[in-house]
Amino acid sequence: MRDAEKPKMAALRLAVCCSAGRSFLQSKNALHASRVNMSFASLSKGRKVAISTLGVLTAGGAGLALVLHQSVKASDLELHPPSYPWSHNGLLSSLDHASIRRGYQVYKQVCAACHSMEYLAFRNLVGVSHTEEEVKGLAEEIEVVDGPDESGEMFTRPGKLSDYFPKPYSNPEAARAANNGALPPDLSYIVNARHGAEDYVFSLLTGYCDPPAGVSVREGLYYNPYFPGQAIAMAPPIYNEVLEYDDGTSATMSQVAKDVCTFLRWAAEPEHDQRKRMGLKLLMGSAILIPLVYYLKRHRWSVLKSRKIAYRPPK
């Protein structure tokens, strides 16, 4: 190729590329415009009504399915416990410590005959529901096997603050033998271990009833709609005036169930009040620090962030 024809070929290539670029940009703009025009406002009235109706029916069906799933599980007809207004459920609400004290009395006189709380010691009650002297008296009521002594023999002694709550049975096999094969669960963390937490335990304790028509429960079991399978080996543990509270509170069934559920919530989460107290302190500190940090960020550091550094080489 001659040298005189090279500039002409370069100019021709440049012209072709520019025309192709303009056509590509125009096609993208046309495509974008066509997409923008396909909006909800451009649809016909019939299509608008159809789409709106479909959206309402879909949302309503999803809401109805969610409500039915939360109320009754269709697979095994297990009744879900309702949500009760517990006094400690608030963001800044603490546990009712008078109820914790009554709940321990319920556990000691009613539940401790079958259920253990092996992760709870007497010292944990100090400053929560009882004074130190009261807890020492409660601990001394039990006999603890200790030892060996100097002669190598085991001995019994009164309980101390460091001792854990006594177990009703020496081993799981003895517990099963005494309860027709059913093993009573440990109640230390039962509230956290069950779906529904306090609501489930309260509903279970107060939900015993006669089986509906067509449902038969074998001998030795009791019908409870809140228990998985509806047949539970535990007999109804509480009823009206099952015990007499030390503080004179009326021991109705609902009151007894409420107190023992509050006690079990504290047993499963003893840091409940402290955690919320620390959260309140954090919120109060954040209310002071966040405006200060915003002021420094917006007004003090803005000079450093917006400054321009220019390098001027020496001439």
C-alpha atoms as a PDB file:
ATOM      1  CA  MET A   1       0.000   0.000   0.000  1.00  0.00           C
ATOM      2  CA  ARG A   2       1.260   3.403  -0.893  1.00  0.00           C
ATOM      3  CA  ASP A   3       2.084   5.903   1.795  1.00  0.00           C
ATOM      4  CA  ALA A   4      -0.398   8.429   0.338  1.00  0.00           C
ATOM      5  CA  GLU A   5      -3.334   5.982   0.794  1.00  0.00           C
ATOM      6  CA  LYS A   6      -2.679   5.287   4.514  1.00  0.00           C
ATOM      7  CA  PRO A   7      -4.227   8.553   5.829  1.00  0.00           C
ATOM      8  CA  LYS A   8      -7.337   7.935   3.723  1.00  0.00           C
ATOM      9  CA  MET A   9      -7.826   4.409   5.127  1.00  0.00           C
ATOM     10  CA  ALA A  10      -7.396   5.669   8.703  1.00  0.00           C
ATOM     11  CA  ALA A  11     -10.010   8.367   8.177  1.00  0.00           C
ATOM     12  CA  LEU A  12     -12.406   5.793   6.682  1.00  0.00           C
ATOM     13  CA  ARG A  13     -12.024   3.470   9.707  1.00  0.00           C
ATOM     14  CA  LEU A  14     -12.646   6.364  12.098  1.00  0.00           C
ATOM     15  CA  ALA A  15     -15.818   7.348  10.288  1.00  0.00           C
ATOM     16  CA  VAL A  16     -17.170   3.752  10.378  1.00  0.00           C
ATOM     17  CA  CYS A  17     -16.479   3.418  14.116  1.00  0.00           C
ATOM     18  CA  CYS A  18     -18.190   6.713  14.954  1.00  0.00           C
ATOM     19  CA  SER A  19     -21.288   5.820  12.941  1.00  0.00           C
ATOM     20  CA  ALA A  20     -21.487   2.387  14.618  1.00  0.00           C
ATOM     21  CA  GLY A  21     -21.173   3.944  18.071  1.00  0.00           C
ATOM     22  CA  ARG A  22     -23.943   6.442  17.370  1.00  0.00           C
ATOM     23  CA  SER A  23     -26.268   3.710  16.146  1.00  0.00           C
ATOM     24  CA  PHE A  24     -25.518   1.566  19.253  1.00  0.00           C
ATOM     25  CA  LEU A  25     -26.265   4.431  21.637  1.00  0.00           C
ATOM     26  CA  GLN A  26     -29.464   5.266  19.782  1.00  0.00           C
ATOM     27  CA  SER A  27     -30.600   1.623  20.021  1.00  0.00           C
ATOM     28  CA  LYS A  28     -29.946   1.573  23.803  1.00  0.00           C
ATOM     29  CA  ASN A  29     -31.901   4.778  24.271  1.00  0.00           C
ATOM     30  CA  ALA A  30     -34.774   3.380  22.240  1.00  0.00           C
ATOM     31  CA  LEU A  31     -34.765   0.162  24.277  1.00  0.00           C
ATOM     32  CA  HIS A  32     -34.709   2.138  27.549  1.00  0.00           C
ATOM     33  CA  ALA A  33     -37.581   4.294  26.386  1.00  0.00           C
ATOM     34  CA  SER A  34     -39.647   1.246  25.454  1.00  0.00           C
ATOM     35  CA  ARG A  35     -39.015  -0.271  28.885  1.00  0.00           C
ATOM     36  CA  VAL A  36     -40.002   2.935  30.649  1.00  0.00           C
ATOM     37  CA  ASN A  37     -43.242   3.132  28.734  1.00  0.00           C
ATOM     38  CA  MET A  38     -44.244  -0.375  29.964  1.00  0.00           C
ATOM     39  CA  SER A  39     -45.316   0.888  33.417  1.00  0.00           C
ATOM     40  CA  PHE A  40     -48.366   0.126  35.555  1.00  0.00           C
ATOM     41  CA  ALA A  41     -49.981   3.414  34.520  1.00  0.00           C
ATOM     42  CA  SER A  42     -49.866   2.459  30.850  1.00  0.00           C
ATOM     43  CA  LEU A  43     -51.857  -0.764  31.388  1.00  0.00           C
ATOM     44  CA  SER A  44     -55.533  -0.993  30.614  1.00  0.00           C
ATOM     45  CA  LYS A  45     -58.155  -0.727  33.339  1.00  0.00           C
ATOM     46  CA  GLY A  46     -58.983  -4.439  33.205  1.00  0.00           C
ATOM     47  CA  ARG A  47     -55.360  -5.461  33.647  1.00  0.00           C
ATOM     48  CA  LYS A  48     -54.945  -3.055  36.554  1.00  0.00           C
ATOM     49  CA  VAL A  49     -57.942  -4.588  38.336  1.00  0.00           C
ATOM     50  CA  ALA A  50     -56.690  -8.115  37.664  1.00  0.00           C
ATOM     51  CA  ILE A  51     -53.179  -7.411  38.976  1.00  0.00           C
ATOM     52  CA  SER A  52     -54.533  -5.621  42.075  1.00  0.00           C
ATOM     53  CA  THR A  53     -56.949  -8.473  42.817  1.00  0.00           C
ATOM     54  CA  LEU A  54     -54.178 -11.040  42.439  1.00  0.00           C
ATOM     55  CA  GLY A  55     -51.936  -9.102  44.830  1.00  0.00           C
ATOM     56  CA  VAL A  56     -54.673  -8.792  47.471  1.00  0.00           C
ATOM     57  CA  LEU A  57     -55.542 -12.497  47.241  1.00  0.00           C
ATOM     58  CA  THR A  58     -51.884 -13.523  47.487  1.00  0.00           C
ATOM     59  CA  ALA A  59     -51.255 -11.347  50.552  1.00  0.00           C
ATOM     60  CA  GLY A  60     -54.466 -12.494  52.214  1.00  0.00           C
ATOM     61  CA  GLY A  61     -53.703 -16.163  51.556  1.00  0.00           C
ATOM     62  CA  ALA A  62     -50.188 -15.825  52.936  1.00  0.00           C
ATOM     63  CA  GLY A  63     -51.482 -14.091  56.059  1.00  0.00           C
ATOM     64  CA  LEU A  64     -54.183 -16.709  56.612  1.00  0.00           C
ATOM     65  CA  ALA A  65     -51.677 -19.539  56.180  1.00  0.00           C
ATOM     66  CA  LEU A  66     -49.335 -17.921  58.707  1.00  0.00           C
ATOM     67  CA  VAL A  67     -52.100 -17.495  61.291  1.00  0.00           C
ATOM     68  CA  LEU A  68     -53.282 -21.078  60.866  1.00  0.00           C
ATOM     69  CA  HIS A  69     -49.731 -22.386  61.148  1.00  0.00           C
ATOM     70  CA  GLN A  70     -49.188 -20.491  64.389  1.00  0.00           C
ATOM     71  CA  SER A  71     -52.481 -21.626  65.945  1.00  0.00           C
ATOM     72  CA  VAL A  72     -52.699 -25.293  64.951  1.00  0.00           C
ATOM     73  CA  LYS A  73     -50.122 -27.552  63.343  1.00  0.00           C
ATOM     74  CA  ALA A  74     -52.004 -29.662  60.847  1.00  0.00           C
ATOM     75  CA  SER A  75     -49.475 -32.500  60.896  1.00  0.00           C
ATOM     76  CA  ASP A  76     -50.133 -33.739  64.403  1.00  0.00           C
ATOM     77  CA  LEU A  77     -52.898 -31.411  65.649  1.00  0.00           C
ATOM     78  CA  GLU A  78     -50.570 -30.038  68.317  1.00  0.00           C
ATOM     79  CA  LEU A  79     -52.110 -26.938  69.864  1.00  0.00           C
ATOM     80  CA  HIS A  80     -49.740 -24.000  70.055  1.00  0.00           C
ATOM     81  CA  PRO A  81     -49.743 -22.090  73.366  1.00  0.00           C
ATOM     82  CA  PRO A  82     -51.151 -18.555  73.341  1.00  0.00           C
ATOM     83  CA  SER A  83     -48.947 -15.580  74.096  1.00  0.00           C
ATOM     84  CA  TYR A  84     -49.413 -14.379  77.675  1.00  0.00           C
ATOM     85  CA  PRO A  85     -48.562 -10.853  78.900  1.00  0.00           C
ATOM     86  CA  TRP A  86     -45.672 -11.700  81.208  1.00  0.00           C
ATOM     87  CA  SER A  87     -44.525  -8.785  83.319  1.00  0.00           C
ATOM     88  CA  HIS A  88     -40.864  -9.409  82.433  1.00  0.00           C
ATOM     89  CA  ASN A  89     -41.329  -9.450  78.646  1.00  0.00           C
ATOM     90  CA  GLY A  90     -40.873  -5.699  78.269  1.00  0.00           C
ATOM     91  CA  LEU A  91     -37.669  -4.239  76.898  1.00  0.00           C
ATOM     92  CA  LEU A  92     -36.788  -2.729  80.278  1.00  0.00           C
ATOM     93  CA  SER A  93     -38.949  -4.934  82.545  1.00  0.00           C
ATOM     94  CA  SER A  94     -37.375  -7.020  85.294  1.00  0.00           C
ATOM     95  CA  LEU A  95     -38.479 -10.298  86.783  1.00  0.00           C
ATOM     96  CA  ASP A  96     -41.021 -10.318  89.605  1.00  0.00           C
ATOM     97  CA  HIS A  97     -38.819 -11.454  92.497  1.00  0.00           C
ATOM     98  CA  ALA A  98     -41.774 -12.029  94.824  1.00  0.00           C
ATOM     99  CA  SER A  99     -43.131 -14.395  92.178  1.00  0.00           C
ATOM    100  CA  ILE A 100     -39.716 -16.096  91.973  1.00  0.00           C
ATOM    101  CA  ARG A 101     -39.871 -16.723  95.740  1.00  0.00           C
ATOM    102  CA  ARG A 102     -43.359 -18.198  95.468  1.00  0.00           C
ATOM    103  CA  GLY A 103     -42.269 -20.209  92.427  1.00  0.00           C
ATOM    104  CA  TYR A 104     -39.439 -21.797  94.393  1.00  0.00           C
ATOM    105  CA  GLN A 105     -41.978 -22.772  97.038  1.00  0.00           C
ATOM    106  CA  VAL A 106     -44.105 -24.420  94.334  1.00  0.00           C
ATOM    107  CA  TYR A 107     -41.097 -26.294  92.981  1.00  0.00           C
ATOM    108  CA  LYS A 108     -40.024 -27.428  96.429  1.00  0.00           C
ATOM    109  CA  GLN A 109     -43.448 -28.649  97.543  1.00  0.00           C
ATOM    110  CA  VAL A 110     -44.900 -29.902  94.237  1.00  0.00           C
ATOM    111  CA  CYS A 111     -42.336 -30.381  91.461  1.00  0.00           C
ATOM    112  CA  ALA A 112     -39.258 -31.563  93.371  1.00  0.00           C
ATOM    113  CA  ALA A 113     -40.857 -34.944  94.050  1.00  0.00           C
ATOM    114  CA  CYS A 114     -40.239 -35.954  90.411  1.00  0.00           C
ATOM    115  CA  HIS A 115     -38.176 -33.268  88.667  1.00  0.00           C
ATOM    116  CA  SER A 116     -34.579 -32.314  89.390  1.00  0.00           C
ATOM    117  CA  MET A 117     -32.783 -28.982  88.981  1.00  0.00           C
ATOM    118  CA  GLU A 118     -29.213 -30.241  89.069  1.00  0.00           C
ATOM    119  CA  TYR A 119     -27.671 -27.052  87.644  1.00  0.00           C
ATOM    120  CA  LEU A 120     -29.055 -24.776  90.364  1.00  0.00           C
ATOM    121  CA  ALA A 121     -27.345 -24.363  93.744  1.00  0.00           C
ATOM    122  CA  PHE A 122     -28.756 -22.903  96.939  1.00  0.00           C
ATOM    123  CA  ARG A 123     -26.327 -19.983  96.740  1.00  0.00           C
ATOM    124  CA  ASN A 124     -28.047 -18.837  93.545  1.00  0.00           C
ATOM    125  CA  LEU A 125     -31.124 -17.902  95.570  1.00  0.00           C
ATOM    126  CA  VAL A 126     -29.234 -15.416  97.755  1.00  0.00           C
ATOM    127  CA  GLY A 127     -30.201 -11.848  96.945  1.00  0.00           C
ATOM    128  CA  VAL A 128     -32.776 -12.967  94.376  1.00  0.00           C
ATOM    129  CA  SER A 129     -35.641 -14.487  96.314  1.00  0.00           C
ATOM    130  CA  HIS A 130     -34.236 -15.123  99.795  1.00  0.00           C
ATOM    131  CA  THR A 131     -31.739 -13.667 102.211  1.00  0.00           C
ATOM    132  CA  GLU A 132     -28.526 -15.498 103.010  1.00  0.00           C
ATOM    133  CA  GLU A 133     -29.820 -16.688 106.370  1.00  0.00           C
ATOM    134  CA  GLU A 134     -33.018 -17.999 104.806  1.00  0.00           C
ATOM    135  CA  VAL A 135     -31.086 -19.914 102.153  1.00  0.00           C
ATOM    136  CA  LYS A 136     -28.789 -21.416 104.798  1.00  0.00           C
ATOM    137  CA  GLY A 137     -31.896 -22.666 106.597  1.00  0.00           C
ATOM    138  CA  LEU A 138     -33.268 -24.165 103.371  1.00  0.00           C
ATOM    139  CA  ALA A 139     -29.981 -25.897 102.631  1.00  0.00           C
ATOM    140  CA  GLU A 140     -29.690 -27.368 106.127  1.00  0.00           C
ATOM    141  CA  GLU A 141     -33.037 -29.115 105.676  1.00  0.00           C
ATOM    142  CA  ILE A 142     -31.451 -31.682 103.347  1.00  0.00           C
ATOM    143  CA  GLU A 143     -28.893 -34.370 104.084  1.00  0.00           C
ATOM    144  CA  VAL A 144     -25.924 -34.572 101.730  1.00  0.00           C
ATOM    145  CA  VAL A 145     -23.699 -37.645 101.381  1.00  0.00           C
ATOM    146  CA  ASP A 146     -20.098 -36.469 101.631  1.00  0.00           C
ATOM    147  CA  GLY A 147     -16.708 -37.944 102.261  1.00  0.00           C
ATOM    148  CA  PRO A 148     -14.706 -39.946 102.609  1.00  0.00           C
ATOM    149  CA  ASP A 149     -13.641 -38.996 106.108  1.00  0.00           C
ATOM    150  CA  GLU A 150     -10.347 -39.802 107.834  1.00  0.00           C
ATOM    151  CA  SER A 151     -11.317 -43.466 108.156  1.00  0.00           C
ATOM    152  CA  GLY A 152     -12.339 -43.727 104.503  1.00  0.00           C
ATOM    153  CA  GLU A 153     -16.057 -43.865 105.213  1.00  0.00           C
ATOM    154  CA  MET A 154     -18.788 -41.785 103.568  1.00  0.00           C
ATOM    155  CA  PHE A 155     -20.941 -39.694 105.887  1.00  0.00           C
ATOM    156  CA  THR A 156     -23.963 -37.422 105.752  1.00  0.00           C
ATOM    157  CA  ARG A 157     -24.004 -33.767 106.687  1.00  0.00           C
ATOM    158  CA  PRO A 158     -26.477 -30.882 106.523  1.00  0.00           C
ATOM    159  CA  GLY A 159     -26.559 -29.014 103.245  1.00  0.00           C
ATOM    160  CA  LYS A 160     -24.558 -25.847 102.610  1.00  0.00           C
ATOM    161  CA  LEU A 161     -24.928 -22.868 100.305  1.00  0.00           C
ATOM    162  CA  SER A 162     -22.547 -24.454  97.811  1.00  0.00           C
ATOM    163  CA  ASP A 163     -24.648 -27.613  97.464  1.00  0.00           C
ATOM    164  CA  TYR A 164     -26.922 -28.107  94.469  1.00  0.00           C
ATOM    165  CA  PHE A 165     -30.601 -28.883  94.699  1.00  0.00           C
ATOM    166  CA  PRO A 166     -31.108 -32.548  95.637  1.00  0.00           C
ATOM    167  CA  LYS A 167     -32.220 -35.022  92.985  1.00  0.00           C
ATOM    168  CA  PRO A 168     -35.433 -36.977  93.570  1.00  0.00           C
ATOM    169  CA  TYR A 169     -33.882 -40.140  92.059  1.00  0.00           C
ATOM    170  CA  SER A 170     -30.374 -41.500  92.199  1.00  0.00           C
ATOM    171  CA  ASN A 171     -30.205 -42.305  88.463  1.00  0.00           C
ATOM    172  CA  PRO A 172     -32.384 -42.173  85.311  1.00  0.00           C
ATOM    173  CA  GLU A 173     -33.264 -45.863  85.548  1.00  0.00           C
ATOM    174  CA  ALA A 174     -34.762 -45.372  88.998  1.00  0.00           C
ATOM    175  CA  ALA A 175     -36.705 -42.367  87.701  1.00  0.00           C
ATOM    176  CA  ARG A 176     -38.150 -44.407  84.817  1.00  0.00           C
ATOM    177  CA  ALA A 177     -39.061 -47.290  87.109  1.00  0.00           C
ATOM    178  CA  ALA A 178     -40.967 -44.936  89.418  1.00  0.00           C
ATOM    179  CA  ASN A 179     -42.870 -43.250  86.581  1.00  0.00           C
ATOM    180  CA  ASN A 180     -44.047 -46.151  84.395  1.00  0.00           C
ATOM    181  CA  GLY A 181     -41.133 -45.797  82.004  1.00  0.00           C
ATOM    182  CA  ALA A 182     -41.349 -42.003  81.583  1.00  0.00           C
ATOM    183  CA  LEU A 183     -38.283 -39.935  82.484  1.00  0.00           C
ATOM    184  CA  PRO A 184     -39.157 -36.619  84.162  1.00  0.00           C
ATOM    185  CA  PRO A 185     -36.991 -33.922  82.529  1.00  0.00           C
ATOM    186  CA  ASP A 186     -34.637 -31.709  84.467  1.00  0.00           C
ATOM    187  CA  LEU A 187     -36.171 -28.262  84.945  1.00  0.00           C
ATOM    188  CA  SER A 188     -33.010 -26.160  85.099  1.00  0.00           C
ATOM    189  CA  TYR A 189     -33.297 -24.969  81.476  1.00  0.00           C
ATOM    190  CA  ILE A 190     -36.738 -26.307  80.573  1.00  0.00           C
ATOM    191  CA  VAL A 191     -38.042 -22.864  79.606  1.00  0.00           C
ATOM    192  CA  ASN A 192     -35.314 -22.379  76.991  1.00  0.00           C
ATOM    193  CA  ALA A 193     -35.547 -26.002  75.851  1.00  0.00           C
ATOM    194  CA  ARG A 194     -39.211 -25.858  74.835  1.00  0.00           C
ATOM    195  CA  HIS A 195     -40.796 -23.991  71.949  1.00  0.00           C
ATOM    196  CA  GLY A 196     -42.992 -21.301  73.467  1.00  0.00           C
ATOM    197  CA  ALA A 197     -40.900 -20.891  76.650  1.00  0.00           C
ATOM    198  CA  GLU A 198     -43.051 -19.759  79.591  1.00  0.00           C
ATOM    199  CA  ASP A 199     -46.193 -19.789  77.462  1.00  0.00           C
ATOM    200  CA  TYR A 200     -45.753 -23.492  76.764  1.00  0.00           C
ATOM    201  CA  VAL A 201     -45.058 -24.434  80.394  1.00  0.00           C
ATOM    202  CA  PHE A 202     -48.015 -22.381  81.661  1.00  0.00           C
ATOM    203  CA  SER A 203     -50.358 -23.853  79.033  1.00  0.00           C
ATOM    204  CA  LEU A 204     -49.147 -27.365  79.778  1.00  0.00           C
ATOM    205  CA  LEU A 205     -49.722 -27.017  83.516  1.00  0.00           C
ATOM    206  CA  THR A 206     -53.208 -25.571  83.111  1.00  0.00           C
ATOM    207  CA  GLY A 207     -54.266 -27.400  79.929  1.00  0.00           C
ATOM    208  CA  TYR A 208     -55.329 -30.810  81.266  1.00  0.00           C
ATOM    209  CA  CYS A 209     -58.830 -31.742  80.104  1.00  0.00           C
ATOM    210  CA  ASP A 210     -60.962 -34.679  79.026  1.00  0.00           C
ATOM    211  CA  PRO A 211     -60.111 -36.100  75.592  1.00  0.00           C
ATOM    212  CA  PRO A 212     -62.496 -35.103  72.797  1.00  0.00           C
ATOM    213  CA  ALA A 213     -64.925 -37.546  71.219  1.00  0.00           C
ATOM    214  CA  GLY A 214     -63.167 -40.204  69.205  1.00  0.00           C
ATOM    215  CA  VAL A 215     -59.830 -39.821  71.000  1.00  0.00           C
ATOM    216  CA  SER A 216     -58.804 -42.544  73.430  1.00  0.00           C
ATOM    217  CA  VAL A 217     -55.910 -42.316  75.875  1.00  0.00           C
ATOM    218  CA  ARG A 218     -54.425 -45.507  77.255  1.00  0.00           C
ATOM    219  CA  GLU A 219     -54.335 -46.189  80.952  1.00  0.00           C
ATOM    220  CA  GLY A 220     -51.660 -44.317  82.863  1.00  0.00           C
ATOM    221  CA  LEU A 221     -51.628 -41.329  80.484  1.00  0.00           C
ATOM    222  CA  TYR A 222     -53.493 -38.032  80.594  1.00  0.00           C
ATOM    223  CA  TYR A 223     -54.829 -35.907  77.768  1.00  0.00           C
ATOM    224  CA  ASN A 224     -53.188 -32.518  77.281  1.00  0.00           C
ATOM    225  CA  PRO A 225     -53.604 -30.723  73.926  1.00  0.00           C
ATOM    226  CA  TYR A 226     -50.385 -28.716  74.377  1.00  0.00           C
ATOM    227  CA  PHE A 227     -48.155 -31.757  74.810  1.00  0.00           C
ATOM    228  CA  PRO A 228     -46.728 -33.322  71.606  1.00  0.00           C
ATOM    229  CA  GLY A 229     -48.909 -36.362  70.986  1.00  0.00           C
ATOM    230  CA  GLN A 230     -51.526 -35.079  73.473  1.00  0.00           C
ATOM    231  CA  ALA A 231     -50.873 -38.019  75.847  1.00  0.00           C
ATOM    232  CA  ILE A 232     -48.630 -37.192  78.800  1.00  0.00           C
ATOM    233  CA  ALA A 233     -47.515 -39.465  81.627  1.00  0.00           C
ATOM    234  CA  MET A 234     -47.458 -36.673  84.235  1.00  0.00           C
ATOM    235  CA  ALA A 235     -50.655 -36.392  86.225  1.00  0.00           C
ATOM    236  CA  PRO A 236     -52.120 -32.871  86.683  1.00  0.00           C
ATOM    237  CA  PRO A 237     -49.582 -31.442  89.138  1.00  0.00           C
ATOM    238  CA  ILE A 238     -51.387 -28.297  90.295  1.00  0.00           C
ATOM    239  CA  TYR A 239     -54.915 -27.309  91.171  1.00  0.00           C
ATOM    240  CA  ASN A 240     -56.613 -24.666  93.265  1.00  0.00           C
ATOM    241  CA  GLU A 241     -55.160 -24.446  96.774  1.00  0.00           C
ATOM    242  CA  VAL A 242     -52.548 -27.130  96.085  1.00  0.00           C
ATOM    243  CA  LEU A 243     -50.368 -25.361  98.674  1.00  0.00           C
ATOM    244  CA  GLU A 244     -50.447 -22.388 101.007  1.00  0.00           C
ATOM    245  CA  TYR A 245     -48.134 -19.505 100.171  1.00  0.00           C
ATOM    246  CA  ASP A 246     -45.995 -18.093 102.965  1.00  0.00           C
ATOM    247  CA  ASP A 247     -46.891 -14.511 101.987  1.00  0.00           C
ATOM    248  CA  GLY A 248     -50.642 -15.153 102.016  1.00  0.00           C
ATOM    249  CA  THR A 249     -51.195 -14.973  98.244  1.00  0.00           C
ATOM    250  CA  SER A 250     -54.226 -16.919  97.048  1.00  0.00           C
ATOM    251  CA  ALA A 251     -52.934 -20.166  95.528  1.00  0.00           C
ATOM    252  CA  THR A 252     -55.240 -20.501  92.546  1.00  0.00           C
ATOM    253  CA  MET A 253     -54.207 -22.748  89.665  1.00  0.00           C
ATOM    254  CA  SER A 254     -53.297 -19.850  87.384  1.00  0.00           C
ATOM    255  CA  GLN A 255     -51.350 -18.097  90.165  1.00  0.00           C
ATOM    256  CA  VAL A 256     -49.372 -21.239  90.988  1.00  0.00           C
ATOM    257  CA  ALA A 257     -48.591 -21.841  87.302  1.00  0.00           C
ATOM    258  CA  LYS A 258     -47.568 -18.212  86.817  1.00  0.00           C
ATOM    259  CA  ASP A 259     -45.221 -18.257  89.820  1.00  0.00           C
ATOM    260  CA  VAL A 260     -43.473 -21.499  88.906  1.00  0.00           C
ATOM    261  CA  CYS A 261     -43.048 -20.319  85.300  1.00  0.00           C
ATOM    262  CA  THR A 262     -41.447 -17.094  86.523  1.00  0.00           C
ATOM    263  CA  PHE A 263     -39.123 -19.123  88.746  1.00  0.00           C
ATOM    264  CA  LEU A 264     -38.178 -21.378  85.829  1.00  0.00           C
ATOM    265  CA  ARG A 265     -37.497 -18.349  83.629  1.00  0.00           C
ATOM    266  CA  TRP A 266     -35.088 -17.004  86.250  1.00  0.00           C
ATOM    267  CA  ALA A 267     -33.462 -20.440  86.639  1.00  0.00           C
ATOM    268  CA  ALA A 268     -32.845 -20.682  82.888  1.00  0.00           C
ATOM    269  CA  GLU A 269     -31.668 -17.071  82.596  1.00  0.00           C
ATOM    270  CA  PRO A 270     -30.361 -15.748  85.931  1.00  0.00           C
ATOM    271  CA  GLU A 271     -28.678 -12.801  84.171  1.00  0.00           C
ATOM    272  CA  HIS A 272     -32.039 -11.553  82.862  1.00  0.00           C
ATOM    273  CA  ASP A 273     -32.228  -8.385  84.970  1.00  0.00           C
ATOM    274  CA  GLN A 274     -28.523  -7.583  84.693  1.00  0.00           C
ATOM    275  CA  ARG A 275     -28.602  -7.937  80.914  1.00  0.00           C
ATOM    276  CA  LYS A 276     -31.470  -5.474  80.585  1.00  0.00           C
ATOM    277  CA  ARG A 277     -29.789  -3.085  83.030  1.00  0.00           C
ATOM    278  CA  MET A 278     -26.632  -3.119  80.921  1.00  0.00           C
ATOM    279  CA  GLY A 279     -28.739  -2.564  77.806  1.00  0.00           C
ATOM    280  CA  LEU A 280     -30.341   0.512  79.388  1.00  0.00           C
ATOM    281  CA  LYS A 281     -26.893   1.897  80.266  1.00  0.00           C
ATOM    282  CA  LEU A 282     -25.766   1.292  76.695  1.00  0.00           C
ATOM    283  CA  LEU A 283     -28.766   3.164  75.311  1.00  0.00           C
ATOM    284  CA  MET A 284     -28.178   6.095  77.638  1.00  0.00           C
ATOM    285  CA  GLY A 285     -24.497   6.241  76.734  1.00  0.00           C
ATOM    286  CA  SER A 286     -25.282   6.010  73.025  1.00  0.00           C
ATOM    287  CA  ALA A 287     -27.739   8.899  73.304  1.00  0.00           C
ATOM    288  CA  ILE A 288     -24.840  11.078  74.459  1.00  0.00           C
ATOM    289  CA  LEU A 289     -22.054   9.734  72.273  1.00  0.00           C
ATOM    290  CA  ILE A 290     -23.851   9.502  68.923  1.00  0.00           C
ATOM    291  CA  PRO A 291     -24.676  13.261  68.663  1.00  0.00           C
ATOM    292  CA  LEU A 292     -21.107  14.077  69.740  1.00  0.00           C
ATOM    293  CA  VAL A 293     -19.598  11.754  67.128  1.00  0.00           C
ATOM    294  CA  TYR A 294     -21.919  13.193  64.473  1.00  0.00           C
ATOM    295  CA  TYR A 295     -20.838  16.734  65.346  1.00  0.00           C
ATOM    296  CA  LEU A 296     -17.158  15.817  65.107  1.00  0.00           C
ATOM    297  CA  LYS A 297     -17.697  13.954  61.863  1.00  0.00           C
ATOM    298  CA  ARG A 298     -19.791  16.657  60.227  1.00  0.00           C
ATOM    299  CA  HIS A 299     -18.125  19.853  61.405  1.00  0.00           C
ATOM    300  CA  ARG A 300     -14.621  19.075  62.639  1.00  0.00           C
ATOM    301  CA  TRP A 301     -13.392  16.422  60.257  1.00  0.00           C
ATOM    302  CA  SER A 302     -15.081  17.948  57.223  1.00  0.00           C
ATOM    303  CA  VAL A 303     -12.189  20.416  56.867  1.00  0.00           C
ATOM    304  CA  LEU A 304      -9.701  17.580  56.685  1.00  0.00           C
ATOM    305  CA  LYS A 305     -11.839  15.503  54.314  1.00  0.00           C
ATOM    306  CA  SER A 306     -12.604  18.354  51.910  1.00  0.00           C
ATOM    307  CA  ARG A 307      -9.180  19.943  51.686  1.00  0.00           C
ATOM    308  CA  LYS A 308      -7.317  19.723  48.418  1.00  0.00           C
ATOM    309  CA  ILE A 309      -3.660  18.829  48.285  1.00  0.00           C
ATOM    310  CA  ALA A 310      -1.965  20.182  45.202  1.00  0.00           C
ATOM    311  CA  TYR A 311       1.601  19.575  44.212  1.00  0.00           C
ATOM    312  CA  ARG A 312       3.305  22.409  42.487  1.00  0.00           C
ATOM    313  CA  PRO A 313       6.690  21.409  41.201  1.00  0.00           C
ATOM    314  CA  PRO A 314       9.415  23.987  41.469  1.00  0.00           C
ATOM    315  CA  LYS A 315       9.975  25.960  38.345  1.00  0.00           C
END
